[in-house]
Protein backbone atom coordinates (compact mmCIF):
# COMPACT_ATOMS: atom_id res chain seq x y z
CA UNK A 1 44.38 -28.31 46.31
CA UNK A 2 43.13 -25.02 48.12
CA UNK A 3 45.69 -22.05 48.40
CA UNK A 4 45.38 -21.33 52.26
CA UNK A 5 46.20 -18.01 53.46
CA UNK A 6 48.76 -17.07 56.20
CA UNK A 7 46.87 -17.61 59.74
CA UNK A 8 47.01 -14.67 61.89
CA UNK A 9 49.93 -14.16 63.88
CA UNK A 10 47.93 -13.28 66.96
CA UNK A 11 46.40 -16.78 66.99
CA UNK A 12 46.72 -19.01 70.11
CA UNK A 13 49.14 -21.84 69.52
CA UNK A 14 46.45 -24.48 70.23
CA UNK A 15 43.96 -22.47 67.96
CA UNK A 16 46.60 -22.68 65.26
CA UNK A 17 47.33 -26.27 65.50
CA UNK A 18 43.85 -27.00 65.23
CA UNK A 19 43.36 -25.05 62.06
CA UNK A 20 46.26 -26.47 60.56
CA UNK A 21 44.80 -30.24 61.18
CA UNK A 22 41.72 -28.89 59.70
CA UNK A 23 43.75 -27.89 56.42
CA UNK A 24 45.58 -31.04 56.45
CA UNK A 25 42.22 -33.27 56.43
CA UNK A 26 40.93 -31.05 53.42
CA UNK A 27 44.12 -31.52 51.41
CA UNK A 28 44.11 -35.37 52.09
CA UNK A 29 40.52 -35.91 51.02
CA UNK A 30 41.07 -34.00 47.66
CA UNK A 31 38.01 -31.94 48.36
CA UNK A 32 37.57 -28.38 47.43
CA UNK A 33 36.04 -26.02 50.21
CA UNK A 34 32.72 -25.68 48.07
CA UNK A 35 32.68 -29.46 48.38
CA UNK A 36 33.52 -29.97 52.23
CA UNK A 37 30.45 -27.07 52.68
CA UNK A 38 27.86 -29.32 50.49
CA UNK A 39 28.81 -32.67 52.50
CA UNK A 40 29.13 -31.13 56.01
CA UNK A 41 26.03 -28.75 55.66
CA UNK A 42 27.95 -25.70 56.59
CA UNK A 43 28.31 -22.57 54.10
CA UNK A 44 31.36 -21.97 52.08
CA UNK A 45 31.77 -18.58 53.50
CA UNK A 46 31.87 -20.51 57.20
CA UNK A 47 34.85 -22.92 56.36
CA UNK A 48 36.79 -20.34 54.74
CA UNK A 49 36.78 -18.56 58.03
CA UNK A 50 37.15 -21.79 59.88
CA UNK A 51 40.25 -22.76 57.68
CA UNK A 52 41.80 -19.17 57.77
CA UNK A 53 41.65 -19.10 61.75
CA UNK A 54 39.44 -16.17 61.91
CA UNK A 55 36.41 -18.34 63.57
CA UNK A 56 36.50 -21.60 65.58
CA UNK A 57 34.12 -24.15 64.04
CA UNK A 58 31.50 -25.37 66.32
CA UNK A 59 31.92 -29.10 67.50
CA UNK A 60 29.38 -30.09 65.23
CA UNK A 61 31.20 -28.86 62.11
CA UNK A 62 34.40 -30.40 63.20
CA UNK A 63 32.61 -33.88 63.61
CA UNK A 64 31.09 -33.60 60.33
CA UNK A 65 34.42 -33.04 58.63
CA UNK A 66 36.01 -35.71 60.44
CA UNK A 67 32.95 -38.19 59.08
CA UNK A 68 33.28 -36.49 55.54
CA UNK A 69 37.29 -37.23 55.51
CA UNK A 70 37.29 -40.82 57.47
CA UNK A 71 39.03 -39.00 60.42
CA UNK A 72 38.44 -40.47 63.86
CA UNK A 73 35.74 -38.27 65.53
CA UNK A 74 37.21 -38.71 68.98
CA UNK A 75 40.57 -37.52 68.47
CA UNK A 76 39.51 -34.52 66.05
CA UNK A 77 36.99 -33.99 69.14
CA UNK A 78 40.09 -33.89 71.52
CA UNK A 79 41.96 -31.45 69.34
CA UNK A 80 38.71 -29.17 69.32
CA UNK A 81 38.37 -29.11 73.13
CA UNK A 82 41.98 -27.79 73.59
CA UNK A 83 41.22 -25.29 70.74
CA UNK A 84 37.91 -24.33 72.43
CA UNK A 85 39.47 -23.57 75.98
CA UNK A 86 42.45 -21.33 74.15
CA UNK A 87 39.75 -19.64 72.34
CA UNK A 88 37.82 -18.65 74.91
CA UNK A 89 40.98 -17.42 77.05
CA UNK A 90 41.49 -15.20 74.22
CA UNK A 91 38.16 -13.50 74.03
CA UNK A 92 38.44 -13.18 77.57
CA UNK A 93 41.73 -11.26 77.47
CA UNK A 94 40.29 -9.32 74.66
CA UNK A 95 37.04 -8.19 76.74
CA UNK A 96 39.25 -7.31 79.70
CA UNK A 97 41.27 -5.28 76.93
CA UNK A 98 38.51 -3.48 75.70
CA UNK A 99 36.79 -2.79 79.03
CA UNK A 100 40.30 -1.07 80.07
CA UNK A 101 40.31 1.20 76.70
CA UNK A 102 36.76 2.21 77.40
CA UNK A 103 37.53 3.38 80.94
CA UNK A 104 40.54 5.18 79.74
CA UNK A 105 38.77 7.00 77.16
CA UNK A 106 35.80 8.00 79.72
CA UNK A 107 38.49 9.14 82.26
CA UNK A 108 40.05 11.29 79.64
CA UNK A 109 36.78 12.66 78.49
CA UNK A 110 35.95 13.74 82.01
CA UNK A 111 39.10 15.21 82.30
CA UNK A 112 38.47 17.67 79.52
CA UNK A 113 35.97 19.66 81.83
CA UNK A 114 38.67 21.10 83.93
CA UNK A 115 39.71 20.99 87.52
CA UNK A 116 36.96 20.99 90.29
CA UNK A 117 35.98 23.88 91.75
CA UNK A 118 38.26 23.77 94.79
CA UNK A 119 41.19 23.80 92.71
CA UNK A 120 40.18 26.60 90.45
CA UNK A 121 39.56 28.61 93.61
CA UNK A 122 43.20 27.99 94.65
CA UNK A 123 44.61 29.03 91.32
CA UNK A 124 43.31 32.57 91.78
CA UNK A 125 45.96 35.33 92.56
CA UNK A 126 45.71 36.67 96.51
CA UNK A 127 43.95 39.76 97.29
CA UNK A 128 45.75 43.06 97.25
CA UNK A 129 46.88 44.39 100.42
CA UNK A 130 44.19 46.33 102.45
CA UNK A 131 41.37 44.47 100.72
CA UNK A 132 38.43 43.54 103.08
CA UNK A 133 37.41 39.57 102.77
CA UNK A 134 33.47 39.07 102.38
CA UNK A 135 31.81 37.46 105.53
CA UNK A 136 30.87 33.85 104.97
CA UNK A 137 27.39 33.03 104.45
CA UNK A 138 27.45 29.83 106.72
CA UNK A 139 29.75 30.62 109.52
CA UNK A 140 31.20 28.00 111.41
CA UNK A 141 29.21 26.71 114.50
CA UNK A 142 31.22 26.67 118.10
CA UNK A 143 30.55 24.00 120.64
CA UNK A 144 28.99 25.04 123.80
CA UNK A 145 32.48 24.19 125.81
CA UNK A 146 34.28 26.37 123.47
CA UNK A 147 34.42 29.92 123.39
CA UNK A 148 35.85 32.38 120.87
CA UNK A 149 38.78 34.41 122.06
CA UNK A 150 38.20 38.40 121.84
CA UNK A 151 38.83 39.83 118.57
CA UNK A 152 41.93 41.60 118.37
CA UNK A 153 41.50 45.63 118.15
CA UNK A 154 41.16 47.46 114.88
CA UNK A 155 44.35 48.87 113.98
CA UNK A 156 44.31 52.46 114.00
CA UNK A 157 44.07 54.05 110.25
CA UNK A 158 44.63 57.61 111.62
CA UNK A 159 40.96 58.54 110.56
CA UNK A 160 38.16 59.79 112.71
CA UNK A 161 35.98 56.99 113.67
CA UNK A 162 32.43 57.04 115.26
CA UNK A 163 32.92 56.03 119.01
CA UNK A 164 29.40 53.85 118.61
CA UNK A 165 30.63 51.92 115.39
CA UNK A 166 30.51 48.54 115.87
CA UNK A 167 33.51 46.14 114.51
CA UNK A 168 32.85 44.53 111.07
CA UNK A 169 34.32 41.29 112.44
CA UNK A 170 31.39 40.63 114.74
CA UNK A 171 28.94 40.62 111.66
CA UNK A 172 31.25 38.33 109.99
CA UNK A 173 31.66 35.70 112.72
CA UNK A 174 29.37 35.42 115.49
CA UNK A 175 30.94 35.65 119.17
CA UNK A 176 29.49 33.76 121.97
CA UNK A 177 29.95 34.91 125.31
CA UNK A 178 32.53 32.63 127.42
CA UNK A 179 31.09 30.54 129.93
CA UNK A 180 31.80 31.31 133.57
CA UNK A 181 35.02 29.49 135.11
CA UNK A 182 34.32 26.43 137.27
CA UNK A 183 34.99 26.80 140.70
CA UNK A 184 38.24 25.14 141.78
CA UNK A 185 37.20 24.48 144.87
CA UNK A 186 33.87 22.59 143.97
CA UNK A 187 34.24 19.03 144.89
CA UNK A 188 34.75 16.48 141.75
CA UNK A 189 32.95 13.43 141.42
CA UNK A 190 35.06 10.41 142.51
CA UNK A 191 36.33 8.03 139.73
CA UNK A 192 36.12 4.33 139.96
CA UNK A 193 39.60 2.82 140.63
CA UNK A 194 41.43 1.51 137.77
CA UNK A 195 41.32 -1.83 139.36
CA UNK A 196 37.56 -2.03 139.23
CA UNK A 197 37.40 -1.01 135.77
CA UNK A 198 39.73 -3.59 134.56
CA UNK A 199 37.71 -6.28 136.44
CA UNK A 200 34.60 -5.27 134.54
CA UNK A 201 36.32 -5.26 131.18
CA UNK A 202 37.60 -8.64 132.01
CA UNK A 203 34.12 -10.08 133.14
CA UNK A 204 32.32 -8.48 129.91
CA UNK A 205 35.05 -10.29 127.75
CA UNK A 206 34.68 -13.66 129.31
CA UNK A 207 30.97 -13.33 129.07
CA UNK A 208 31.14 -12.63 125.39
CA UNK A 209 33.66 -15.71 124.94
CA UNK A 210 31.17 -18.13 126.75
CA UNK A 211 28.46 -16.88 124.42
CA UNK A 212 30.50 -17.53 121.30
CA UNK A 213 31.24 -21.31 122.40
CA UNK A 214 27.71 -21.78 123.24
CA UNK A 215 26.95 -20.59 119.54
CA UNK A 216 29.51 -22.79 118.20
CA UNK A 217 28.35 -25.77 119.54
CA UNK A 218 24.87 -25.21 118.76
CA UNK A 219 25.94 -24.67 115.02
CA UNK A 220 28.16 -27.95 115.01
CA UNK A 221 25.47 -30.35 116.62
CA UNK A 222 22.78 -28.82 114.55
CA UNK A 223 19.15 -28.56 115.43
CA UNK A 224 17.39 -30.86 112.81
CA UNK A 225 16.96 -34.74 112.44
CA UNK A 226 19.79 -37.06 111.95
CA UNK A 227 18.26 -38.37 108.83
CA UNK A 228 19.29 -35.61 106.56
CA UNK A 229 16.15 -34.86 105.13
CA UNK A 230 14.85 -31.55 104.29
CA UNK A 231 12.09 -29.90 106.48
CA UNK A 232 8.44 -30.33 105.49
CA UNK A 233 7.63 -27.18 103.28
CA UNK A 234 11.14 -26.20 102.44
CA UNK A 235 12.56 -25.92 98.76
CA UNK A 236 15.96 -26.63 97.79
CA UNK A 237 17.62 -23.51 95.99
CA UNK A 238 20.76 -22.67 94.85
CA UNK A 239 22.43 -20.32 97.31
CA UNK A 240 22.95 -16.84 96.34
CA UNK A 241 26.71 -16.71 97.84
CA UNK A 242 28.33 -13.68 99.17
CA UNK A 243 30.65 -11.53 97.05
CA UNK A 244 33.65 -12.65 98.80
CA UNK A 245 33.14 -16.38 97.83
CA UNK A 246 32.54 -15.80 94.27
CA UNK A 247 35.24 -16.16 91.52
CA UNK A 248 37.11 -13.18 89.94
CA UNK A 249 34.95 -11.57 87.36
CA UNK A 250 31.74 -13.28 88.74
CA UNK A 251 29.13 -10.47 89.60
CA UNK A 252 26.14 -12.67 90.75
CA UNK A 253 24.99 -16.12 91.45
CA UNK A 254 21.61 -18.20 91.61
CA UNK A 255 18.37 -16.27 91.59
CA UNK A 256 20.09 -12.85 91.55
CA UNK A 257 21.56 -13.81 87.87
CA UNK A 258 17.84 -14.40 86.54
CA UNK A 259 17.29 -12.67 83.47
CA UNK A 260 20.58 -11.32 82.95
CA UNK A 261 23.32 -11.58 80.46
CA UNK A 262 25.88 -14.14 81.19
CA UNK A 263 28.70 -12.61 79.53
CA UNK A 264 28.07 -9.15 81.28
CA UNK A 265 27.88 -11.05 84.56
CA UNK A 266 31.04 -12.90 84.18
CA UNK A 267 29.48 -16.54 83.98
CA UNK A 268 30.89 -17.55 80.60
CA UNK A 269 34.33 -17.82 79.56
CA UNK A 270 36.35 -20.55 81.73
CA UNK A 271 33.06 -20.77 84.16
CA UNK A 272 30.98 -22.36 81.75
CA UNK A 273 30.57 -25.76 80.33
CA UNK A 274 28.35 -27.19 77.60
CA UNK A 275 25.95 -29.42 79.46
CA UNK A 276 23.96 -30.49 76.40
CA UNK A 277 23.84 -30.18 72.58
CA UNK A 278 21.84 -30.68 69.48
CA UNK A 279 22.42 -30.23 65.75
CA UNK A 280 19.37 -28.68 64.35
CA UNK A 281 19.91 -28.37 60.43
CA UNK A 282 23.21 -26.65 59.92
CA UNK A 283 23.07 -24.97 63.44
CA UNK A 284 24.55 -26.12 66.32
CA UNK A 285 22.53 -25.57 69.80
CA UNK A 286 23.65 -25.92 73.26
CA UNK A 287 22.82 -25.52 76.99
CA UNK A 288 25.73 -23.63 78.75
CA UNK A 289 26.08 -24.37 82.50
CA UNK A 290 27.85 -22.22 85.03
CA UNK A 291 28.60 -23.75 88.37
CA UNK A 292 30.15 -20.88 89.63
CA UNK A 293 26.95 -18.76 89.02
CA UNK A 294 24.40 -21.60 89.46
CA UNK A 295 22.85 -20.59 86.16
CA UNK A 296 22.06 -22.05 82.55
CA UNK A 297 21.46 -20.50 79.20
CA UNK A 298 21.11 -21.30 75.86
CA UNK A 299 23.67 -20.57 72.88
CA UNK A 300 23.17 -21.28 68.99
CA UNK A 301 26.15 -20.73 66.53
CA UNK A 302 25.62 -21.04 62.50
CA UNK A 303 22.26 -19.68 62.91
CA UNK A 304 20.38 -17.04 60.50
CA UNK A 305 18.74 -13.78 61.38
CA UNK A 306 14.88 -14.58 62.61
CA UNK A 307 15.94 -18.07 64.25
CA UNK A 308 14.72 -18.31 67.99
CA UNK A 309 15.80 -20.20 70.97
CA UNK A 310 14.60 -21.10 74.45
CA UNK A 311 16.21 -22.44 77.61
CA UNK A 312 13.98 -23.89 80.13
CA UNK A 313 14.18 -25.33 83.67
CA UNK A 314 12.63 -28.11 85.52
CA UNK A 315 10.74 -28.50 88.89
CA UNK A 316 7.78 -26.31 90.48
CA UNK A 317 9.70 -22.92 90.20
CA UNK A 318 11.28 -23.49 87.00
CA UNK A 319 11.68 -20.41 84.73
CA UNK A 320 12.36 -19.90 80.97
CA UNK A 321 14.00 -17.44 78.95
CA UNK A 322 13.84 -17.13 75.31
CA UNK A 323 16.24 -15.51 72.50
CA UNK A 324 16.13 -14.39 68.86
CA UNK A 325 19.07 -14.38 66.33
CA UNK A 326 18.59 -10.57 64.83
CA UNK A 327 21.76 -10.27 63.01
CA UNK A 328 24.90 -12.53 62.45
CA UNK A 329 25.15 -16.18 62.89
CA UNK A 330 25.66 -16.55 66.58
CA UNK A 331 22.85 -15.81 69.60
CA UNK A 332 22.09 -16.79 73.39
CA UNK A 333 19.59 -16.23 75.56
CA UNK A 334 19.62 -14.67 79.25
CA UNK A 335 20.26 -16.98 82.49
CA UNK A 336 17.99 -18.95 84.38
CA UNK A 337 18.78 -20.30 88.03
CA UNK A 338 19.53 -24.04 88.36
CA UNK A 339 21.00 -26.25 91.13
CA UNK A 340 22.81 -28.41 88.37
CA UNK A 341 23.23 -28.82 84.72
CA UNK A 342 20.68 -31.58 84.55
CA UNK A 343 17.68 -29.10 85.20
CA UNK A 344 17.96 -27.18 82.14
CA UNK A 345 17.20 -27.99 78.13
CA UNK A 346 17.34 -25.59 75.13
CA UNK A 347 15.13 -25.78 72.23
CA UNK A 348 15.50 -23.93 68.87
CA UNK A 349 13.20 -23.10 65.75
CA UNK A 350 14.83 -22.27 62.88
CA UNK A 351 13.36 -20.03 60.02
CA UNK A 352 13.87 -22.83 57.78
CA UNK A 353 11.23 -24.52 59.79
CA UNK A 354 13.40 -27.07 61.53
CA UNK A 355 13.02 -27.56 65.24
CA UNK A 356 15.00 -29.44 67.64
CA UNK A 357 16.22 -29.82 71.40
CA UNK A 358 19.16 -30.74 73.19
CA UNK A 359 20.15 -33.96 74.62
CA UNK A 360 22.08 -33.98 78.01
CA UNK A 361 25.91 -35.01 77.85
CA UNK A 362 27.79 -37.07 80.08
CA UNK A 363 29.94 -35.08 82.82
CA UNK A 364 32.94 -36.19 81.17
CA UNK A 365 31.95 -34.88 77.72
CA UNK A 366 31.17 -31.26 79.01
CA UNK A 367 33.70 -28.74 77.85
CA UNK A 368 34.23 -25.26 79.07
CA UNK A 369 34.04 -22.29 76.69
CA UNK A 370 32.90 -18.54 76.65
């Protein structure tokens, strides 16, 4: 019987329950971890991670263990789905925490450069009494209807002064000559009575309200035919959506997500489901579909460096995105826009020479995950 390590304390209760269930299945079967790895097609190192709670096994690994130990695949699959949702929530909280840490570090690093120039200028000591301030290089312009008040006379310092010397303040701030005062006897232009202005405003408001009613009627009744068919030449595409209609954390929808990473744009996690899957060798291939973003992408787990995968759409304007596992055992492609989950399929080519493509799942079997 294997000697188990203590599960991590921060493990989600549902993930902990699933890991303990896997341990019980292995104990009842009387198999060692090496024997489980040989019979299921997953490495011994991977099973050690699964059974110690460090990594959630893919659905294919859980189903393979159920077949080896004679357990009902459907019941174990239900527990796996609950653990997968809990694992995705934990990853989402971890991503948010790491992003907050990075923002705090960036703010702290920027704060090391000292206060802005305006604050540094305020901290300087005031000038000594009697010092003359230098004139500004960009004097404040005055409006035509403003006149600068006459400068007060310079205080007499008791020293002889040239009668023709000009006040230095005239050089610092340009002085404009005040305009001639208006003749109070000049006739004023007649103003419209208050009642006439009020009537004009009411008329304008009424006209705008009538236009809004007409526009609402046109939108409700519609201008197209009643058979519900799309006009000739029109192509149905997923709407991009406005930022206000997108769920929290989602940064794009539809064509705006094409070629972008699903995790970076917030389309994974609770916003994604598995629309199709396949087991290629020891790897598990999935089509991940996000209804909130209107996109799909391919994901592979238990892969090897050098394995490639591809997500393809259907239709006249279908696009394709490819990916490659450079390091580690997992990888995914960038997103393609799709109208629904049935418009995408994923294929993988392993370095071992095996190839395979996904098959679509019924809607009731699609599972959310990051």
